[in-house]
Amino acid sequence: MPIEDSCNREAVILQRDNTVLEAAKLMRRHQVRDVQVIENRDGKMIAVGVITDHDLVVEIMAPELDCMVITVGDIIDLHMV
């Protein structure tokens, strides 16, 4: 089987204001380990980061934060500091 047959060709995307719970549900639904985060800048959708399943476990689940309140943008901001 060619490698391209097993690759996910379409990125799974969220906006900065989506919750990490929404990110986790999308990862599960699409069977991926990360999602791209985008934001609208002057009418253009720009990629601003990536959230991984590891980020969710280490940054949200382990410290027992509220996954229904924390946004993917909050996690990206943590990585940028």
PDB file of N, CA and C in Angstrom:
ATOM      1  N   MET A   1       0.856  -1.180   0.000  1.00  0.00           N
ATOM      2  CA  MET A   1       0.000   0.000   0.000  1.00  0.00           C
ATOM      3  C   MET A   1       0.900   1.241   0.000  1.00  0.00           C
ATOM      4  N   PRO A   2       0.645   2.171  -0.911  1.00  0.00           N
ATOM      5  CA  PRO A   2       1.421   3.417  -0.933  1.00  0.00           C
ATOM      6  C   PRO A   2       1.189   4.228   0.348  1.00  0.00           C
ATOM      7  N   ILE A   3       2.222   4.921   0.791  1.00  0.00           N
ATOM      8  CA  ILE A   3       2.141   5.690   2.032  1.00  0.00           C
ATOM      9  C   ILE A   3       1.023   6.727   1.995  1.00  0.00           C
ATOM     10  N   GLU A   4       0.792   7.328   0.842  1.00  0.00           N
ATOM     11  CA  GLU A   4      -0.248   8.364   0.757  1.00  0.00           C
ATOM     12  C   GLU A   4      -1.647   7.819   1.031  1.00  0.00           C
ATOM     13  N   ASP A   5      -1.831   6.509   0.880  1.00  0.00           N
ATOM     14  CA  ASP A   5      -3.133   5.913   1.179  1.00  0.00           C
ATOM     15  C   ASP A   5      -3.424   5.874   2.681  1.00  0.00           C
ATOM     16  N   SER A   6      -2.378   5.897   3.493  1.00  0.00           N
ATOM     17  CA  SER A   6      -2.584   5.845   4.937  1.00  0.00           C
ATOM     18  C   SER A   6      -2.429   7.206   5.611  1.00  0.00           C
ATOM     19  N   CYS A   7      -2.117   8.236   4.849  1.00  0.00           N
ATOM     20  CA  CYS A   7      -1.926   9.578   5.417  1.00  0.00           C
ATOM     21  C   CYS A   7      -3.236  10.346   5.450  1.00  0.00           C
ATOM     22  N   ASN A   8      -3.379  11.150   6.484  1.00  0.00           N
ATOM     23  CA  ASN A   8      -4.520  12.056   6.580  1.00  0.00           C
ATOM     24  C   ASN A   8      -4.168  13.309   5.790  1.00  0.00           C
ATOM     25  N   ARG A   9      -4.858  13.572   4.727  1.00  0.00           N
ATOM     26  CA  ARG A   9      -4.513  14.683   3.844  1.00  0.00           C
ATOM     27  C   ARG A   9      -5.144  15.999   4.256  1.00  0.00           C
ATOM     28  N   GLU A  10      -6.219  15.951   5.010  1.00  0.00           N
ATOM     29  CA  GLU A  10      -6.886  17.178   5.413  1.00  0.00           C
ATOM     30  C   GLU A  10      -6.603  17.460   6.875  1.00  0.00           C
ATOM     31  N   ALA A  11      -6.191  18.684   7.132  1.00  0.00           N
ATOM     32  CA  ALA A  11      -5.893  19.077   8.508  1.00  0.00           C
ATOM     33  C   ALA A  11      -7.191  19.276   9.285  1.00  0.00           C
ATOM     34  N   VAL A  12      -7.149  18.934  10.546  1.00  0.00           N
ATOM     35  CA  VAL A  12      -8.265  19.196  11.449  1.00  0.00           C
ATOM     36  C   VAL A  12      -7.965  20.543  12.095  1.00  0.00           C
ATOM     37  N   ILE A  13      -8.917  21.487  11.985  1.00  0.00           N
ATOM     38  CA  ILE A  13      -8.646  22.840  12.466  1.00  0.00           C
ATOM     39  C   ILE A  13      -9.691  23.316  13.467  1.00  0.00           C
ATOM     40  N   LEU A  14      -9.245  24.199  14.332  1.00  0.00           N
ATOM     41  CA  LEU A  14     -10.096  24.873  15.308  1.00  0.00           C
ATOM     42  C   LEU A  14      -9.691  26.336  15.359  1.00  0.00           C
ATOM     43  N   GLN A  15     -10.569  27.153  15.900  1.00  0.00           N
ATOM     44  CA  GLN A  15     -10.210  28.545  16.132  1.00  0.00           C
ATOM     45  C   GLN A  15      -9.751  28.702  17.574  1.00  0.00           C
ATOM     46  N   ARG A  16      -9.049  29.790  17.866  1.00  0.00           N
ATOM     47  CA  ARG A  16      -8.465  30.032  19.189  1.00  0.00           C
ATOM     48  C   ARG A  16      -9.483  29.946  20.320  1.00  0.00           C
ATOM     49  N   ASP A  17     -10.738  30.315  20.042  1.00  0.00           N
ATOM     50  CA  ASP A  17     -11.726  30.359  21.122  1.00  0.00           C
ATOM     51  C   ASP A  17     -12.455  29.033  21.348  1.00  0.00           C
ATOM     52  N   ASN A  18     -12.114  27.994  20.593  1.00  0.00           N
ATOM     53  CA  ASN A  18     -12.682  26.668  20.861  1.00  0.00           C
ATOM     54  C   ASN A  18     -12.078  26.108  22.148  1.00  0.00           C
ATOM     55  N   THR A  19     -12.881  25.348  22.893  1.00  0.00           N
ATOM     56  CA  THR A  19     -12.384  24.768  24.143  1.00  0.00           C
ATOM     57  C   THR A  19     -11.487  23.566  23.867  1.00  0.00           C
ATOM     58  N   VAL A  20     -10.693  23.214  24.872  1.00  0.00           N
ATOM     59  CA  VAL A  20      -9.855  22.030  24.727  1.00  0.00           C
ATOM     60  C   VAL A  20     -10.703  20.762  24.697  1.00  0.00           C
ATOM     61  N   LEU A  21     -11.880  20.798  25.284  1.00  0.00           N
ATOM     62  CA  LEU A  21     -12.795  19.660  25.175  1.00  0.00           C
ATOM     63  C   LEU A  21     -13.197  19.457  23.718  1.00  0.00           C
ATOM     64  N   GLU A  22     -13.498  20.545  23.022  1.00  0.00           N
ATOM     65  CA  GLU A  22     -13.830  20.444  21.593  1.00  0.00           C
ATOM     66  C   GLU A  22     -12.641  19.898  20.811  1.00  0.00           C
ATOM     67  N   ALA A  23     -11.441  20.315  21.177  1.00  0.00           N
ATOM     68  CA  ALA A  23     -10.235  19.812  20.510  1.00  0.00           C
ATOM     69  C   ALA A  23     -10.103  18.308  20.713  1.00  0.00           C
ATOM     70  N   ALA A  24     -10.288  17.856  21.946  1.00  0.00           N
ATOM     71  CA  ALA A  24     -10.178  16.426  22.247  1.00  0.00           C
ATOM     72  C   ALA A  24     -11.219  15.618  21.476  1.00  0.00           C
ATOM     73  N   LYS A  25     -12.438  16.132  21.408  1.00  0.00           N
ATOM     74  CA  LYS A  25     -13.499  15.425  20.678  1.00  0.00           C
ATOM     75  C   LYS A  25     -13.185  15.340  19.188  1.00  0.00           C
ATOM     76  N   LEU A  26     -12.644  16.423  18.617  1.00  0.00           N
ATOM     77  CA  LEU A  26     -12.264  16.401  17.199  1.00  0.00           C
ATOM     78  C   LEU A  26     -11.133  15.408  16.949  1.00  0.00           C
ATOM     79  N   MET A  27     -10.144  15.393  17.844  1.00  0.00           N
ATOM     80  CA  MET A  27      -9.038  14.443  17.692  1.00  0.00           C
ATOM     81  C   MET A  27      -9.563  13.012  17.695  1.00  0.00           C
ATOM     82  N   ARG A  28     -10.480  12.738  18.583  1.00  0.00           N
ATOM     83  CA  ARG A  28     -11.050  11.387  18.659  1.00  0.00           C
ATOM     84  C   ARG A  28     -11.855  11.061  17.404  1.00  0.00           C
ATOM     85  N   ARG A  29     -12.716  11.988  16.991  1.00  0.00           N
ATOM     86  CA  ARG A  29     -13.571  11.752  15.825  1.00  0.00           C
ATOM     87  C   ARG A  29     -12.745  11.499  14.567  1.00  0.00           C
ATOM     88  N   HIS A  30     -11.662  12.271  14.403  1.00  0.00           N
ATOM     89  CA  HIS A  30     -10.852  12.166  13.186  1.00  0.00           C
ATOM     90  C   HIS A  30      -9.636  11.255  13.356  1.00  0.00           C
ATOM     91  N   GLN A  31      -9.486  10.689  14.562  1.00  0.00           N
ATOM     92  CA  GLN A  31      -8.371   9.785  14.865  1.00  0.00           C
ATOM     93  C   GLN A  31      -7.024  10.418  14.527  1.00  0.00           C
ATOM     94  N   VAL A  32      -6.828  11.640  15.052  1.00  0.00           N
ATOM     95  CA  VAL A  32      -5.568  12.354  14.871  1.00  0.00           C
ATOM     96  C   VAL A  32      -4.995  12.693  16.240  1.00  0.00           C
ATOM     97  N   ARG A  33      -3.721  13.028  16.262  1.00  0.00           N
ATOM     98  CA  ARG A  33      -3.050  13.348  17.525  1.00  0.00           C
ATOM     99  C   ARG A  33      -2.824  14.842  17.701  1.00  0.00           C
ATOM    100  N   ASP A  34      -3.249  15.633  16.715  1.00  0.00           N
ATOM    101  CA  ASP A  34      -3.106  17.076  16.852  1.00  0.00           C
ATOM    102  C   ASP A  34      -4.131  17.804  15.993  1.00  0.00           C
ATOM    103  N   VAL A  35      -4.346  19.070  16.325  1.00  0.00           N
ATOM    104  CA  VAL A  35      -5.217  19.932  15.525  1.00  0.00           C
ATOM    105  C   VAL A  35      -4.495  21.252  15.300  1.00  0.00           C
ATOM    106  N   GLN A  36      -4.729  21.838  14.144  1.00  0.00           N
ATOM    107  CA  GLN A  36      -4.175  23.155  13.860  1.00  0.00           C
ATOM    108  C   GLN A  36      -5.132  24.208  14.387  1.00  0.00           C
ATOM    109  N   VAL A  37      -4.557  25.277  14.912  1.00  0.00           N
ATOM    110  CA  VAL A  37      -5.355  26.379  15.440  1.00  0.00           C
ATOM    111  C   VAL A  37      -5.198  27.561  14.499  1.00  0.00           C
ATOM    112  N   ILE A  38      -6.344  28.139  14.120  1.00  0.00           N
ATOM    113  CA  ILE A  38      -6.332  29.263  13.188  1.00  0.00           C
ATOM    114  C   ILE A  38      -7.029  30.464  13.810  1.00  0.00           C
ATOM    115  N   GLU A  39      -6.778  31.626  13.215  1.00  0.00           N
ATOM    116  CA  GLU A  39      -7.523  32.820  13.596  1.00  0.00           C
ATOM    117  C   GLU A  39      -7.716  33.680  12.361  1.00  0.00           C
ATOM    118  N   ASN A  40      -8.720  34.524  12.412  1.00  0.00           N
ATOM    119  CA  ASN A  40      -9.043  35.415  11.309  1.00  0.00           C
ATOM    120  C   ASN A  40      -8.249  36.704  11.475  1.00  0.00           C
ATOM    121  N   ARG A  41      -7.405  36.997  10.499  1.00  0.00           N
ATOM    122  CA  ARG A  41      -6.639  38.243  10.485  1.00  0.00           C
ATOM    123  C   ARG A  41      -6.936  38.960   9.178  1.00  0.00           C
ATOM    124  N   ASP A  42      -7.647  40.047   9.291  1.00  0.00           N
ATOM    125  CA  ASP A  42      -8.005  40.848   8.115  1.00  0.00           C
ATOM    126  C   ASP A  42      -8.700  40.020   7.044  1.00  0.00           C
ATOM    127  N   GLY A  43      -9.604  39.153   7.469  1.00  0.00           N
ATOM    128  CA  GLY A  43     -10.381  38.354   6.533  1.00  0.00           C
ATOM    129  C   GLY A  43      -9.687  37.105   6.027  1.00  0.00           C
ATOM    130  N   LYS A  44      -8.475  36.841   6.499  1.00  0.00           N
ATOM    131  CA  LYS A  44      -7.742  35.645   6.086  1.00  0.00           C
ATOM    132  C   LYS A  44      -7.570  34.728   7.284  1.00  0.00           C
ATOM    133  N   MET A  45      -7.764  33.443   7.055  1.00  0.00           N
ATOM    134  CA  MET A  45      -7.568  32.458   8.111  1.00  0.00           C
ATOM    135  C   MET A  45      -6.082  32.091   8.158  1.00  0.00           C
ATOM    136  N   ILE A  46      -5.458  32.382   9.292  1.00  0.00           N
ATOM    137  CA  ILE A  46      -4.024  32.184   9.466  1.00  0.00           C
ATOM    138  C   ILE A  46      -3.786  31.120  10.541  1.00  0.00           C
ATOM    139  N   ALA A  47      -2.898  30.175  10.251  1.00  0.00           N
ATOM    140  CA  ALA A  47      -2.521  29.176  11.254  1.00  0.00           C
ATOM    141  C   ALA A  47      -1.664  29.854  12.314  1.00  0.00           C
ATOM    142  N   VAL A  48      -2.037  29.663  13.585  1.00  0.00           N
ATOM    143  CA  VAL A  48      -1.304  30.300  14.681  1.00  0.00           C
ATOM    144  C   VAL A  48      -0.687  29.285  15.639  1.00  0.00           C
ATOM    145  N   GLY A  49      -0.949  28.011  15.442  1.00  0.00           N
ATOM    146  CA  GLY A  49      -0.354  27.009  16.317  1.00  0.00           C
ATOM    147  C   GLY A  49      -0.939  25.633  16.120  1.00  0.00           C
ATOM    148  N   VAL A  50      -0.422  24.707  16.906  1.00  0.00           N
ATOM    149  CA  VAL A  50      -0.864  23.312  16.874  1.00  0.00           C
ATOM    150  C   VAL A  50      -1.057  22.856  18.317  1.00  0.00           C
ATOM    151  N   ILE A  51      -2.130  22.137  18.560  1.00  0.00           N
ATOM    152  CA  ILE A  51      -2.387  21.536  19.863  1.00  0.00           C
ATOM    153  C   ILE A  51      -2.298  20.023  19.689  1.00  0.00           C
ATOM    154  N   THR A  52      -1.536  19.376  20.549  1.00  0.00           N
ATOM    155  CA  THR A  52      -1.376  17.923  20.459  1.00  0.00           C
ATOM    156  C   THR A  52      -2.104  17.223  21.603  1.00  0.00           C
ATOM    157  N   ASP A  53      -2.286  15.927  21.448  1.00  0.00           N
ATOM    158  CA  ASP A  53      -2.881  15.154  22.533  1.00  0.00           C
ATOM    159  C   ASP A  53      -2.001  15.222  23.783  1.00  0.00           C
ATOM    160  N   HIS A  54      -0.708  15.303  23.606  1.00  0.00           N
ATOM    161  CA  HIS A  54       0.221  15.454  24.730  1.00  0.00           C
ATOM    162  C   HIS A  54      -0.038  16.772  25.464  1.00  0.00           C
ATOM    163  N   ASP A  55      -0.261  17.854  24.718  1.00  0.00           N
ATOM    164  CA  ASP A  55      -0.582  19.147  25.341  1.00  0.00           C
ATOM    165  C   ASP A  55      -1.814  19.026  26.232  1.00  0.00           C
ATOM    166  N   LEU A  56      -2.826  18.340  25.745  1.00  0.00           N
ATOM    167  CA  LEU A  56      -4.060  18.200  26.514  1.00  0.00           C
ATOM    168  C   LEU A  56      -3.827  17.445  27.818  1.00  0.00           C
ATOM    169  N   VAL A  57      -3.037  16.390  27.744  1.00  0.00           N
ATOM    170  CA  VAL A  57      -2.777  15.596  28.947  1.00  0.00           C
ATOM    171  C   VAL A  57      -1.922  16.374  29.943  1.00  0.00           C
ATOM    172  N   VAL A  58      -0.816  16.938  29.480  1.00  0.00           N
ATOM    173  CA  VAL A  58       0.137  17.595  30.377  1.00  0.00           C
ATOM    174  C   VAL A  58      -0.370  18.945  30.885  1.00  0.00           C
ATOM    175  N   GLU A  59      -0.968  19.743  30.002  1.00  0.00           N
ATOM    176  CA  GLU A  59      -1.355  21.109  30.361  1.00  0.00           C
ATOM    177  C   GLU A  59      -2.750  21.210  30.982  1.00  0.00           C
ATOM    178  N   ILE A  60      -3.642  20.264  30.684  1.00  0.00           N
ATOM    179  CA  ILE A  60      -5.031  20.378  31.142  1.00  0.00           C
ATOM    180  C   ILE A  60      -5.417  19.255  32.103  1.00  0.00           C
ATOM    181  N   MET A  61      -5.258  18.017  31.669  1.00  0.00           N
ATOM    182  CA  MET A  61      -5.732  16.899  32.490  1.00  0.00           C
ATOM    183  C   MET A  61      -4.908  16.695  33.762  1.00  0.00           C
ATOM    184  N   ALA A  62      -3.586  16.703  33.647  1.00  0.00           N
ATOM    185  CA  ALA A  62      -2.741  16.446  34.822  1.00  0.00           C
ATOM    186  C   ALA A  62      -2.956  17.472  35.934  1.00  0.00           C
ATOM    187  N   PRO A  63      -3.019  18.773  35.610  1.00  0.00           N
ATOM    188  CA  PRO A  63      -3.293  19.746  36.679  1.00  0.00           C
ATOM    189  C   PRO A  63      -4.781  19.883  37.007  1.00  0.00           C
ATOM    190  N   GLU A  64      -5.610  19.050  36.375  1.00  0.00           N
ATOM    191  CA  GLU A  64      -7.054  19.015  36.622  1.00  0.00           C
ATOM    192  C   GLU A  64      -7.748  20.361  36.363  1.00  0.00           C
ATOM    193  N   LEU A  65      -7.407  20.974  35.232  1.00  0.00           N
ATOM    194  CA  LEU A  65      -8.067  22.212  34.823  1.00  0.00           C
ATOM    195  C   LEU A  65      -9.390  21.896  34.138  1.00  0.00           C
ATOM    196  N   ASP A  66     -10.243  22.886  34.023  1.00  0.00           N
ATOM    197  CA  ASP A  66     -11.574  22.705  33.446  1.00  0.00           C
ATOM    198  C   ASP A  66     -11.497  22.731  31.918  1.00  0.00           C
ATOM    199  N   CYS A  67     -11.641  21.566  31.307  1.00  0.00           N
ATOM    200  CA  CYS A  67     -11.521  21.445  29.852  1.00  0.00           C
ATOM    201  C   CYS A  67     -12.677  22.099  29.105  1.00  0.00           C
ATOM    202  N   MET A  68     -13.719  22.469  29.830  1.00  0.00           N
ATOM    203  CA  MET A  68     -14.856  23.131  29.181  1.00  0.00           C
ATOM    204  C   MET A  68     -14.708  24.652  29.213  1.00  0.00           C
ATOM    205  N   VAL A  69     -13.671  25.143  29.897  1.00  0.00           N
ATOM    206  CA  VAL A  69     -13.439  26.583  30.005  1.00  0.00           C
ATOM    207  C   VAL A  69     -12.152  27.002  29.291  1.00  0.00           C
ATOM    208  N   ILE A  70     -11.102  26.203  29.443  1.00  0.00           N
ATOM    209  CA  ILE A  70      -9.811  26.522  28.837  1.00  0.00           C
ATOM    210  C   ILE A  70      -9.939  26.393  27.322  1.00  0.00           C
ATOM    211  N   THR A  71      -9.407  27.376  26.601  1.00  0.00           N
ATOM    212  CA  THR A  71      -9.471  27.351  25.139  1.00  0.00           C
ATOM    213  C   THR A  71      -8.147  26.879  24.554  1.00  0.00           C
ATOM    214  N   VAL A  72      -8.197  26.484  23.295  1.00  0.00           N
ATOM    215  CA  VAL A  72      -6.956  26.095  22.626  1.00  0.00           C
ATOM    216  C   VAL A  72      -6.033  27.301  22.511  1.00  0.00           C
ATOM    217  N   GLY A  73      -6.596  28.491  22.410  1.00  0.00           N
ATOM    218  CA  GLY A  73      -5.788  29.708  22.401  1.00  0.00           C
ATOM    219  C   GLY A  73      -5.017  29.888  23.693  1.00  0.00           C
ATOM    220  N   ASP A  74      -5.610  29.498  24.814  1.00  0.00           N
ATOM    221  CA  ASP A  74      -4.912  29.579  26.102  1.00  0.00           C
ATOM    222  C   ASP A  74      -3.664  28.699  26.097  1.00  0.00           C
ATOM    223  N   ILE A  75      -3.765  27.522  25.524  1.00  0.00           N
ATOM    224  CA  ILE A  75      -2.616  26.612  25.477  1.00  0.00           C
ATOM    225  C   ILE A  75      -1.541  27.165  24.555  1.00  0.00           C
ATOM    226  N   ILE A  76      -1.948  27.685  23.411  1.00  0.00           N
ATOM    227  CA  ILE A  76      -0.976  28.265  22.481  1.00  0.00           C
ATOM    228  C   ILE A  76      -0.232  29.408  23.151  1.00  0.00           C
ATOM    229  N   ASP A  77      -0.953  30.240  23.889  1.00  0.00           N
ATOM    230  CA  ASP A  77      -0.313  31.358  24.578  1.00  0.00           C
ATOM    231  C   ASP A  77       0.717  30.864  25.588  1.00  0.00           C
ATOM    232  N   LEU A  78       0.464  29.727  26.244  1.00  0.00           N
ATOM    233  CA  LEU A  78       1.432  29.151  27.176  1.00  0.00           C
ATOM    234  C   LEU A  78       2.724  28.765  26.463  1.00  0.00           C
ATOM    235  N   HIS A  79       2.607  28.226  25.247  1.00  0.00           N
ATOM    236  CA  HIS A  79       3.779  27.787  24.493  1.00  0.00           C
ATOM    237  C   HIS A  79       4.589  28.963  23.954  1.00  0.00           C
ATOM    238  N   MET A  80       3.950  30.094  23.759  1.00  0.00           N
ATOM    239  CA  MET A  80       4.635  31.247  23.179  1.00  0.00           C
ATOM    240  C   MET A  80       5.447  32.021  24.212  1.00  0.00           C
ATOM    241  N   VAL A  81       5.167  31.798  25.481  1.00  0.00           N
ATOM    242  CA  VAL A  81       5.872  32.548  26.531  1.00  0.00           C
ATOM    243  C   VAL A  81       7.239  31.968  26.751  1.00  0.00           C
TER     244      VAL A  81
END
